[in-house]
Amino acid sequence: MTTGIKILSDFDGVWTDPFEEAGAVRALLIARAAQLAGVELPGAEADFERFAGRVLDRPERHGWAPDGRITAYVDEDPFCLPNAVASWLGSSEGRADATAERYRRAIEETGLALNEFGDRCFHDATLAYRERGSGGLLPGSRAVVAALREAGAELVVVSNSSSDKVIAWFEAAGVDAREQAGGELRVRGSAAKFALGPGEDALQVGQRQVLVDRPRYREVLAEEAPQIVIGDVFSLDLALPEQMRRERHPSAAQTLVLRRQSHTPAWILEDRAGGAIDHLVDEPGELLSLLEGPPSGPS
């Protein structure tokens, strides 16, 4: 058995089921938009269901776009949908829709840009979700962490979520998670994998381009120098590690692993993102099989 392998793992969607929490974000965004626009909640829910359908009809055009550029496509992650719909309200298609215009104007009258409104709803909803004691790790996560440690692997969880959230969820499952060394795993939260730099370098995956100038995430990857990286959203978690492999960066990971979800899109799965993904797994316990030999090669 190969030991001494560092695994850099995403959190949301790898160790959790993201749908319920993402639904809480969507519900808050709709409720706030309804209040601002003076629309009864049932009507607003129907309106936003229609808006979401418009976005999902053309997923290659929509996604999480904090600075106007897509950092992750809407069909990659349920967390992307509320932000994508908020941004759609300001698109030419949204502005041509009289109902959507009512919400756009009401939101922008608060002084917030549409993407800022989406981000604020995201942060407030996820905080409230945690404070309610909602959520939790996938069943068996505690045993998986213990087995990885017993196999000699070092686990570092790097997430866009705050360290406090990640640590609290692991601790609730009986896992000693810390920002510093000494626990069962180490956490680096608020990693801003979504934050794009000015560069236009991109990976071509099917008909889509995934931007890879992500300076804050690159800094983490360079510092940690993991052998394995696992995530559930290709654009956020694995595109930059693949770019670093192509560059032959000294800290580039040898093996990239995607946790396959029911919503993982065909453009990622058809050829494993142009061959960038070495392994597909359905739950984090499958990482143990990668420690049986050299961490490389597709399966």
Protein backbone atom coordinates (compact mmCIF):
# COMPACT_ATOMS: atom_id res chain seq x y z
CA MET A 1 0.00 0.00 0.00
CA THR A 2 1.26 3.44 -0.96
CA THR A 3 1.45 5.76 2.05
CA GLY A 4 2.35 9.38 2.63
CA ILE A 5 -0.07 10.61 -0.02
CA LYS A 6 -1.63 14.03 0.44
CA ILE A 7 -5.24 14.28 -0.70
CA LEU A 8 -6.68 17.74 -1.30
CA SER A 9 -10.46 17.49 -1.17
CA ASP A 10 -13.33 19.84 -1.79
CA PHE A 11 -16.06 19.83 0.88
CA ASP A 12 -19.58 20.69 -0.36
CA GLY A 13 -20.68 17.96 -2.75
CA VAL A 14 -17.80 15.61 -1.87
CA TRP A 15 -18.49 15.04 1.82
CA THR A 16 -22.07 16.34 1.71
CA ASP A 17 -25.24 16.12 -0.34
CA PRO A 18 -25.56 19.68 -1.66
CA PHE A 19 -29.20 19.68 -2.76
CA GLU A 20 -30.96 20.61 0.47
CA GLU A 21 -28.59 23.46 1.31
CA ALA A 22 -28.68 24.74 -2.28
CA GLY A 23 -32.47 24.64 -2.05
CA ALA A 24 -32.31 26.84 1.04
CA VAL A 25 -30.29 29.40 -0.93
CA ARG A 26 -32.80 29.35 -3.77
CA ALA A 27 -35.73 29.73 -1.34
CA LEU A 28 -34.19 32.77 0.34
CA LEU A 29 -33.34 34.43 -2.97
CA ILE A 30 -36.95 34.01 -4.16
CA ALA A 31 -38.42 35.20 -0.86
CA ARG A 32 -36.28 38.35 -0.83
CA ALA A 33 -36.93 39.11 -4.50
CA ALA A 34 -40.67 38.65 -3.93
CA GLN A 35 -40.65 41.03 -0.96
CA LEU A 36 -38.72 43.68 -2.86
CA ALA A 37 -40.96 43.43 -5.93
CA GLY A 38 -44.20 43.26 -3.95
CA VAL A 39 -45.14 39.84 -5.29
CA GLU A 40 -46.88 37.14 -3.27
CA LEU A 41 -44.53 34.24 -2.56
CA PRO A 42 -46.42 31.53 -4.51
CA GLY A 43 -46.43 33.74 -7.58
CA ALA A 44 -42.74 34.50 -7.18
CA GLU A 45 -41.94 30.81 -6.83
CA ALA A 46 -43.71 30.14 -10.11
CA ASP A 47 -41.91 33.06 -11.77
CA PHE A 48 -38.48 31.90 -10.65
CA GLU A 49 -39.22 28.33 -11.67
CA ARG A 50 -39.80 29.68 -15.17
CA PHE A 51 -36.65 31.80 -15.03
CA ALA A 52 -34.63 28.77 -13.92
CA GLY A 53 -36.01 26.83 -16.86
CA ARG A 54 -34.81 29.55 -19.25
CA VAL A 55 -31.33 29.39 -17.71
CA LEU A 56 -31.13 25.61 -17.74
CA ASP A 57 -32.29 25.48 -21.35
CA ARG A 58 -28.96 27.07 -22.35
CA PRO A 59 -26.52 26.04 -19.60
CA GLU A 60 -23.50 26.81 -21.76
CA ARG A 61 -24.44 30.51 -21.51
CA HIS A 62 -25.14 30.71 -17.81
CA GLY A 63 -23.50 30.04 -14.47
CA TRP A 64 -21.90 31.58 -11.43
CA ALA A 65 -20.40 34.80 -12.78
CA PRO A 66 -19.21 37.02 -9.90
CA ASP A 67 -17.40 39.44 -12.23
CA GLY A 68 -19.49 38.83 -15.33
CA ARG A 69 -17.39 35.88 -16.51
CA ILE A 70 -18.58 32.35 -15.85
CA THR A 71 -16.48 30.69 -13.17
CA ALA A 72 -18.66 27.54 -13.05
CA TYR A 73 -21.50 26.54 -15.35
CA VAL A 74 -25.03 26.31 -14.03
CA ASP A 75 -25.38 22.59 -14.79
CA GLU A 76 -22.27 21.67 -12.78
CA ASP A 77 -23.54 22.45 -9.30
CA PRO A 78 -26.98 23.15 -7.74
CA PHE A 79 -25.40 26.02 -5.78
CA CYS A 80 -24.80 27.82 -9.09
CA LEU A 81 -28.47 28.02 -10.07
CA PRO A 82 -29.66 30.83 -7.75
CA ASN A 83 -26.74 33.08 -8.73
CA ALA A 84 -27.19 32.23 -12.40
CA VAL A 85 -30.88 33.15 -12.27
CA ALA A 86 -30.10 36.41 -10.48
CA SER A 87 -27.58 37.30 -13.19
CA TRP A 88 -30.03 36.26 -15.93
CA LEU A 89 -32.46 38.94 -14.77
CA GLY A 90 -30.00 41.53 -16.09
CA SER A 91 -29.29 39.79 -19.39
CA SER A 92 -30.85 40.89 -22.66
CA GLU A 93 -33.23 37.95 -22.44
CA GLY A 94 -34.21 38.82 -18.89
CA ARG A 95 -34.70 42.49 -19.67
CA ALA A 96 -37.02 41.53 -22.52
CA ASP A 97 -39.23 39.65 -20.06
CA ALA A 98 -41.67 42.04 -18.36
CA THR A 99 -42.02 39.87 -15.27
CA ALA A 100 -38.28 39.47 -14.87
CA GLU A 101 -37.86 43.21 -15.28
CA ARG A 102 -40.06 43.83 -12.26
CA TYR A 103 -37.71 41.82 -10.07
CA ARG A 104 -34.55 43.25 -11.62
CA ARG A 105 -35.61 46.82 -11.00
CA ALA A 106 -36.69 46.08 -7.44
CA ILE A 107 -33.37 44.42 -6.63
CA GLU A 108 -31.22 47.09 -8.22
CA GLU A 109 -33.17 49.83 -6.41
CA THR A 110 -31.57 48.50 -3.21
CA GLY A 111 -28.19 49.58 -4.56
CA LEU A 112 -27.00 45.99 -5.04
CA ALA A 113 -25.91 44.60 -8.37
CA LEU A 114 -27.70 41.39 -9.30
CA ASN A 115 -24.66 39.21 -8.67
CA GLU A 116 -24.14 40.92 -5.30
CA PHE A 117 -27.75 40.20 -4.41
CA GLY A 118 -27.22 36.55 -5.32
CA ASP A 119 -24.03 36.36 -3.27
CA ARG A 120 -25.68 37.94 -0.23
CA CYS A 121 -28.57 35.49 -0.40
CA PHE A 122 -26.06 32.64 -0.65
CA HIS A 123 -24.09 33.70 2.42
CA ASP A 124 -27.15 34.49 4.53
CA ALA A 125 -28.94 31.26 3.58
CA THR A 126 -25.97 28.99 4.24
CA LEU A 127 -25.32 30.69 7.60
CA ALA A 128 -28.97 30.27 8.62
CA TYR A 129 -28.89 26.66 7.43
CA ARG A 130 -25.91 25.95 9.68
CA GLU A 131 -27.40 27.81 12.65
CA ARG A 132 -30.56 25.69 12.39
CA GLY A 133 -28.39 22.62 12.81
CA SER A 134 -29.31 21.47 9.33
CA GLY A 135 -27.04 19.47 7.11
CA GLY A 136 -24.42 16.91 7.84
CA LEU A 137 -21.79 14.72 6.27
CA LEU A 138 -22.56 11.74 4.08
CA PRO A 139 -23.20 8.54 6.05
CA GLY A 140 -19.98 6.75 6.80
CA SER A 141 -17.75 9.82 6.46
CA ARG A 142 -16.28 9.34 9.93
CA ALA A 143 -15.14 5.83 9.03
CA VAL A 144 -13.72 7.01 5.70
CA VAL A 145 -11.59 9.68 7.37
CA ALA A 146 -10.30 7.12 9.86
CA ALA A 147 -9.50 4.62 7.10
CA LEU A 148 -7.62 7.21 5.06
CA ARG A 149 -5.53 8.12 8.08
CA GLU A 150 -4.85 4.47 8.83
CA ALA A 151 -3.69 4.06 5.24
CA GLY A 152 -1.16 6.85 5.81
CA ALA A 153 -2.89 9.53 3.76
CA GLU A 154 -2.94 13.19 4.78
CA LEU A 155 -6.32 14.80 4.13
CA VAL A 156 -6.61 18.55 3.51
CA VAL A 157 -10.10 19.92 2.86
CA VAL A 158 -10.02 23.09 0.75
CA SER A 159 -13.39 24.76 0.32
CA ASN A 160 -15.07 27.96 -0.77
CA SER A 161 -17.12 27.60 2.41
CA SER A 162 -15.73 29.11 5.60
CA SER A 163 -13.40 27.08 7.78
CA ASP A 164 -15.88 27.46 10.65
CA LYS A 165 -18.64 25.77 8.66
CA VAL A 166 -16.46 22.91 7.45
CA ILE A 167 -14.95 22.26 10.89
CA ALA A 168 -18.36 22.36 12.57
CA TRP A 169 -19.82 19.82 10.16
CA PHE A 170 -16.89 17.43 10.59
CA GLU A 171 -16.91 17.84 14.37
CA ALA A 172 -20.64 17.05 14.46
CA ALA A 173 -19.75 13.74 12.81
CA GLY A 174 -17.03 13.05 15.38
CA VAL A 175 -14.06 14.06 13.21
CA ASP A 176 -11.27 16.19 14.70
CA ALA A 177 -10.91 18.83 11.98
CA ARG A 178 -8.62 21.84 12.48
CA GLU A 179 -7.11 24.71 10.54
CA GLN A 180 -3.71 23.78 11.96
CA ALA A 181 -1.96 20.42 11.96
CA GLY A 182 -2.71 17.97 14.75
CA GLY A 183 -6.24 16.85 13.96
CA GLU A 184 -7.55 14.06 11.81
CA LEU A 185 -7.70 16.44 8.86
CA ARG A 186 -6.77 20.02 8.08
CA VAL A 187 -9.19 22.63 6.73
CA ARG A 188 -8.52 25.60 4.48
CA GLY A 189 -11.78 27.48 4.06
CA SER A 190 -12.73 30.58 2.08
CA ALA A 191 -10.39 29.35 -0.67
CA ALA A 192 -12.05 31.45 -3.39
CA LYS A 193 -11.66 28.82 -6.10
CA PHE A 194 -14.20 30.89 -8.00
CA ALA A 195 -12.08 34.08 -8.00
CA LEU A 196 -10.77 34.68 -11.51
CA GLY A 197 -7.67 36.65 -12.36
CA PRO A 198 -7.34 38.82 -15.49
CA GLY A 199 -5.92 36.06 -17.67
CA GLU A 200 -7.95 34.49 -20.44
CA ASP A 201 -6.27 31.06 -20.43
CA ALA A 202 -8.90 28.34 -20.56
CA LEU A 203 -9.34 24.62 -20.97
CA GLN A 204 -11.50 23.60 -23.89
CA VAL A 205 -13.95 20.93 -22.73
CA GLY A 206 -16.33 19.97 -25.49
CA GLN A 207 -17.93 23.18 -26.68
CA ARG A 208 -17.19 25.06 -23.47
CA GLN A 209 -14.23 26.99 -22.19
CA VAL A 210 -13.29 26.82 -18.52
CA LEU A 211 -11.18 29.73 -17.30
CA VAL A 212 -8.13 28.65 -15.32
CA ASP A 213 -6.59 31.90 -14.06
CA ARG A 214 -7.62 31.40 -10.42
CA PRO A 215 -4.77 32.97 -8.46
CA ARG A 216 -6.00 32.31 -4.93
CA TYR A 217 -6.66 28.64 -5.60
CA ARG A 218 -3.33 28.33 -7.44
CA GLU A 219 -1.56 29.64 -4.34
CA VAL A 220 -3.21 26.94 -2.21
CA LEU A 221 -2.34 24.20 -4.68
CA ALA A 222 1.26 25.37 -4.92
CA GLU A 223 1.61 25.46 -1.13
CA GLU A 224 -0.02 22.08 -0.50
CA ALA A 225 1.45 20.16 -3.48
CA PRO A 226 -1.06 17.29 -3.17
CA GLN A 227 -0.73 14.01 -5.02
CA ILE A 228 -4.53 13.66 -5.39
CA VAL A 229 -7.22 16.32 -5.84
CA ILE A 230 -10.90 15.41 -5.55
CA GLY A 231 -13.90 17.64 -6.21
CA ASP A 232 -17.42 17.48 -7.60
CA VAL A 233 -17.39 20.63 -9.77
CA PHE A 234 -14.87 20.41 -12.58
CA SER A 235 -14.59 24.14 -13.23
CA LEU A 236 -14.00 25.06 -9.60
CA ASP A 237 -12.07 22.07 -8.29
CA LEU A 238 -10.20 20.32 -11.09
CA ALA A 239 -9.69 22.66 -14.06
CA LEU A 240 -6.79 24.56 -12.50
CA PRO A 241 -5.06 21.38 -11.20
CA GLU A 242 -5.27 20.02 -14.76
CA GLN A 243 -3.81 23.24 -16.14
CA MET A 244 -0.93 22.97 -13.64
CA ARG A 245 -0.29 19.41 -14.80
CA ARG A 246 -0.12 20.61 -18.38
CA GLU A 247 2.33 23.30 -17.32
CA ARG A 248 4.42 20.66 -15.50
CA HIS A 249 4.19 22.81 -12.39
CA PRO A 250 6.32 21.27 -9.60
CA SER A 251 3.32 21.23 -7.25
CA ALA A 252 0.87 19.77 -9.76
CA ALA A 253 -1.21 16.84 -8.56
CA GLN A 254 -0.64 13.47 -10.19
CA THR A 255 -4.25 12.33 -10.00
CA LEU A 256 -7.54 14.18 -10.44
CA VAL A 257 -10.75 12.63 -9.15
CA LEU A 258 -14.34 13.75 -9.75
CA ARG A 259 -17.07 12.76 -7.32
CA ARG A 260 -19.85 11.96 -9.76
CA GLN A 261 -23.26 13.34 -8.83
CA SER A 262 -26.71 12.70 -10.29
CA HIS A 263 -26.49 16.16 -11.86
CA THR A 264 -22.93 15.87 -13.23
CA PRO A 265 -23.39 17.00 -16.85
CA ALA A 266 -22.72 14.90 -19.92
CA TRP A 267 -20.14 17.35 -21.25
CA ILE A 268 -17.97 16.45 -18.26
CA LEU A 269 -18.66 12.71 -18.21
CA GLU A 270 -18.54 11.89 -21.93
CA ASP A 271 -14.76 11.92 -22.16
CA ARG A 272 -13.87 12.86 -18.59
CA ALA A 273 -13.48 16.52 -19.45
CA GLY A 274 -11.19 15.87 -22.37
CA GLY A 275 -9.18 13.32 -20.40
CA ALA A 276 -8.46 15.67 -17.50
CA ILE A 277 -10.25 13.46 -14.97
CA ASP A 278 -8.36 10.30 -14.03
CA HIS A 279 -11.00 8.67 -11.83
CA LEU A 280 -14.73 8.94 -11.28
CA VAL A 281 -16.03 7.99 -7.83
CA ASP A 282 -19.51 7.94 -6.36
CA GLU A 283 -18.50 8.56 -2.74
CA PRO A 284 -15.31 9.57 -0.93
CA GLY A 285 -14.68 6.08 0.46
CA GLU A 286 -13.57 5.05 -3.03
CA LEU A 287 -10.44 7.12 -2.49
CA LEU A 288 -9.11 4.20 -0.47
CA SER A 289 -8.73 2.12 -3.62
CA LEU A 290 -6.43 4.78 -5.07
CA LEU A 291 -4.00 4.26 -2.20
CA GLU A 292 -3.37 0.64 -3.18
CA GLY A 293 -0.82 1.63 -5.80
CA PRO A 294 0.70 4.59 -7.67
CA PRO A 295 -1.94 7.37 -7.75
CA SER A 296 -2.17 7.70 -11.49
CA GLY A 297 -3.97 6.37 -14.52
CA PRO A 298 -7.66 6.36 -15.43
CA SER A 299 -10.24 3.98 -14.03
